[in-house]
Amino acid sequence: MERNLQEKVEQVLDQHPVGTMATVRNDKPYSRYMTFFHDDLTLYTATNEHTHKVEDLRSNPNAHILVGQNGTNEPHIEIEAKAEIEDSPQLKEKYWDESLRPWISGPDDPEYVLLRLQPQTILYYESPGSEPQKMTFPS
């Protein structure tokens, strides 16, 4: 994997924590805005365990994520990922953020879970319309 490309992808993730995540329900895509945290190229996002997205991902763990495109010529990324439900108290504490409070009461909320999104493919676009640089990962 090209280190320079990984650095570019991580820079987009650092500069744009909010993106969209699509799941599949009844053979149809459903998208929503999410706040993403990352450890290298593994993404985490917080949610309530009783949401449709968790139900969707339990049925079909494939997710599609868009980050960075905000109507300018800035770089952006597309990520195809496999999702897992993560309930580790240490990780929930690590990725807790006060901006989550409208949905989750705190890091000890029993309904708070993280989605761990393991990339399968990442496409990095330097600007809209540019040819993407591609990173693939073993399944």
Protein backbone atom coordinates (compact mmCIF):
# COMPACT_ATOMS: atom_id res chain seq x y z
CA MET A 1 0.00 0.00 0.00
CA GLU A 2 1.35 3.37 -0.95
CA ARG A 3 2.08 5.27 2.27
CA ASN A 4 1.55 8.62 0.59
CA LEU A 5 -1.95 7.55 -0.49
CA GLN A 6 -2.80 6.37 3.02
CA GLU A 7 -1.66 9.74 4.39
CA LYS A 8 -3.90 11.54 1.88
CA VAL A 9 -6.89 9.39 2.88
CA GLU A 10 -6.23 9.99 6.59
CA GLN A 11 -5.97 13.72 5.96
CA VAL A 12 -9.45 13.72 4.37
CA LEU A 13 -10.78 11.78 7.37
CA ASP A 14 -9.12 14.24 9.79
CA GLN A 15 -10.46 17.31 7.99
CA HIS A 16 -13.98 15.99 7.37
CA PRO A 17 -15.29 13.94 10.30
CA VAL A 18 -18.86 14.00 8.97
CA GLY A 19 -19.77 11.94 5.93
CA THR A 20 -22.52 9.68 4.67
CA MET A 21 -22.90 5.98 5.29
CA ALA A 22 -25.20 3.80 3.23
CA THR A 23 -26.54 0.42 4.27
CA VAL A 24 -28.94 -1.98 2.54
CA ARG A 25 -32.47 -2.69 3.76
CA ASN A 26 -34.99 -4.72 1.77
CA ASP A 27 -32.64 -4.58 -1.24
CA LYS A 28 -32.63 -0.76 -1.20
CA PRO A 29 -29.87 1.64 -0.14
CA TYR A 30 -30.36 3.86 2.91
CA SER A 31 -27.96 6.73 3.60
CA ARG A 32 -27.46 8.91 6.59
CA TYR A 33 -24.93 11.44 7.85
CA MET A 34 -22.53 10.09 10.46
CA THR A 35 -19.54 11.37 12.41
CA PHE A 36 -16.50 9.18 11.82
CA PHE A 37 -13.43 8.58 13.95
CA HIS A 38 -10.51 6.54 12.69
CA ASP A 39 -7.56 4.47 13.80
CA ASP A 40 -5.31 4.30 10.74
CA LEU A 41 -7.84 3.33 8.07
CA THR A 42 -10.35 1.57 10.32
CA LEU A 43 -13.36 3.81 10.85
CA TYR A 44 -15.61 3.97 13.90
CA THR A 45 -18.96 5.68 14.25
CA ALA A 46 -21.24 5.85 17.27
CA THR A 47 -24.88 4.89 17.31
CA ASN A 48 -27.71 3.55 19.42
CA GLU A 49 -27.92 -0.24 19.17
CA HIS A 50 -31.66 -0.03 18.44
CA THR A 51 -31.35 1.90 15.15
CA HIS A 52 -32.23 0.77 11.64
CA LYS A 53 -28.57 1.02 10.60
CA VAL A 54 -27.56 -1.57 13.21
CA GLU A 55 -30.40 -3.83 12.09
CA ASP A 56 -29.34 -3.32 8.46
CA LEU A 57 -25.70 -4.17 9.18
CA ARG A 58 -26.59 -7.27 11.17
CA SER A 59 -28.43 -8.54 8.07
CA ASN A 60 -25.85 -7.33 5.57
CA PRO A 61 -22.51 -6.01 6.89
CA ASN A 62 -21.65 -4.10 3.70
CA ALA A 63 -21.52 -0.30 4.01
CA HIS A 64 -20.59 2.47 1.60
CA ILE A 65 -19.11 5.70 2.98
CA LEU A 66 -18.51 9.10 1.36
CA VAL A 67 -16.28 11.66 3.08
CA GLY A 68 -14.88 15.03 2.06
CA GLN A 69 -16.95 16.30 -0.84
CA ASN A 70 -18.51 19.59 0.18
CA GLY A 71 -19.08 21.30 -3.15
CA THR A 72 -15.51 22.48 -3.59
CA ASN A 73 -12.52 21.08 -5.43
CA GLU A 74 -11.19 19.43 -2.27
CA PRO A 75 -10.15 15.78 -2.20
CA HIS A 76 -12.77 13.24 -1.21
CA ILE A 77 -12.97 9.50 -0.64
CA GLU A 78 -15.35 6.60 -1.17
CA ILE A 79 -15.03 3.58 1.08
CA GLU A 80 -16.55 0.14 0.69
CA ALA A 81 -16.41 -1.46 4.14
CA LYS A 82 -17.50 -4.42 6.22
CA ALA A 83 -19.15 -3.41 9.48
CA GLU A 84 -19.06 -5.03 12.90
CA ILE A 85 -20.90 -3.99 16.04
CA GLU A 86 -18.35 -3.03 18.72
CA ASP A 87 -19.30 -2.88 22.40
CA SER A 88 -15.85 -2.55 24.01
CA PRO A 89 -16.04 -0.13 26.98
CA GLN A 90 -12.46 1.02 26.26
CA LEU A 91 -13.23 1.86 22.63
CA LYS A 92 -16.55 3.50 23.53
CA GLU A 93 -14.69 5.72 26.01
CA LYS A 94 -11.92 6.44 23.49
CA TYR A 95 -14.34 7.55 20.77
CA TRP A 96 -16.87 9.29 23.02
CA ASP A 97 -17.49 12.90 22.01
CA GLU A 98 -19.90 15.39 23.59
CA SER A 99 -21.40 16.07 20.15
CA LEU A 100 -23.00 12.59 20.42
CA ARG A 101 -25.10 13.59 23.43
CA PRO A 102 -28.33 14.28 21.47
CA TRP A 103 -28.43 10.55 20.62
CA ILE A 104 -26.45 8.88 23.42
CA SER A 105 -26.46 9.94 27.08
CA GLY A 106 -22.77 9.22 27.65
CA PRO A 107 -19.99 6.67 27.23
CA ASP A 108 -21.70 4.37 29.78
CA ASP A 109 -25.09 4.45 28.03
CA PRO A 110 -26.06 0.75 27.70
CA GLU A 111 -27.53 1.39 24.24
CA TYR A 112 -24.32 3.04 22.93
CA VAL A 113 -22.40 0.92 20.44
CA LEU A 114 -19.74 1.64 17.88
CA LEU A 115 -19.74 0.47 14.30
CA ARG A 116 -16.26 -0.67 13.30
CA LEU A 117 -15.91 -0.20 9.54
CA GLN A 118 -13.09 -2.22 8.02
CA PRO A 119 -12.29 -0.93 4.51
CA GLN A 120 -12.38 -3.38 1.61
CA THR A 121 -11.76 -0.71 -1.04
CA ILE A 122 -10.94 2.99 -0.78
CA LEU A 123 -11.09 5.36 -3.74
CA TYR A 124 -9.29 8.68 -3.29
CA TYR A 125 -10.23 11.55 -5.62
CA GLU A 126 -7.87 14.52 -5.73
CA SER A 127 -10.74 16.67 -7.08
CA PRO A 128 -14.21 16.11 -8.53
CA GLY A 129 -13.97 14.35 -11.89
CA SER A 130 -10.38 13.21 -11.36
CA GLU A 131 -9.34 9.59 -11.82
CA PRO A 132 -9.39 7.87 -8.42
CA GLN A 133 -6.41 6.28 -6.74
CA LYS A 134 -7.46 2.90 -5.38
CA MET A 135 -6.51 0.98 -2.27
CA THR A 136 -7.75 -2.59 -1.78
CA PHE A 137 -7.55 -4.72 1.33
CA PRO A 138 -7.75 -8.48 1.82
CA SER A 139 -11.11 -9.74 3.04
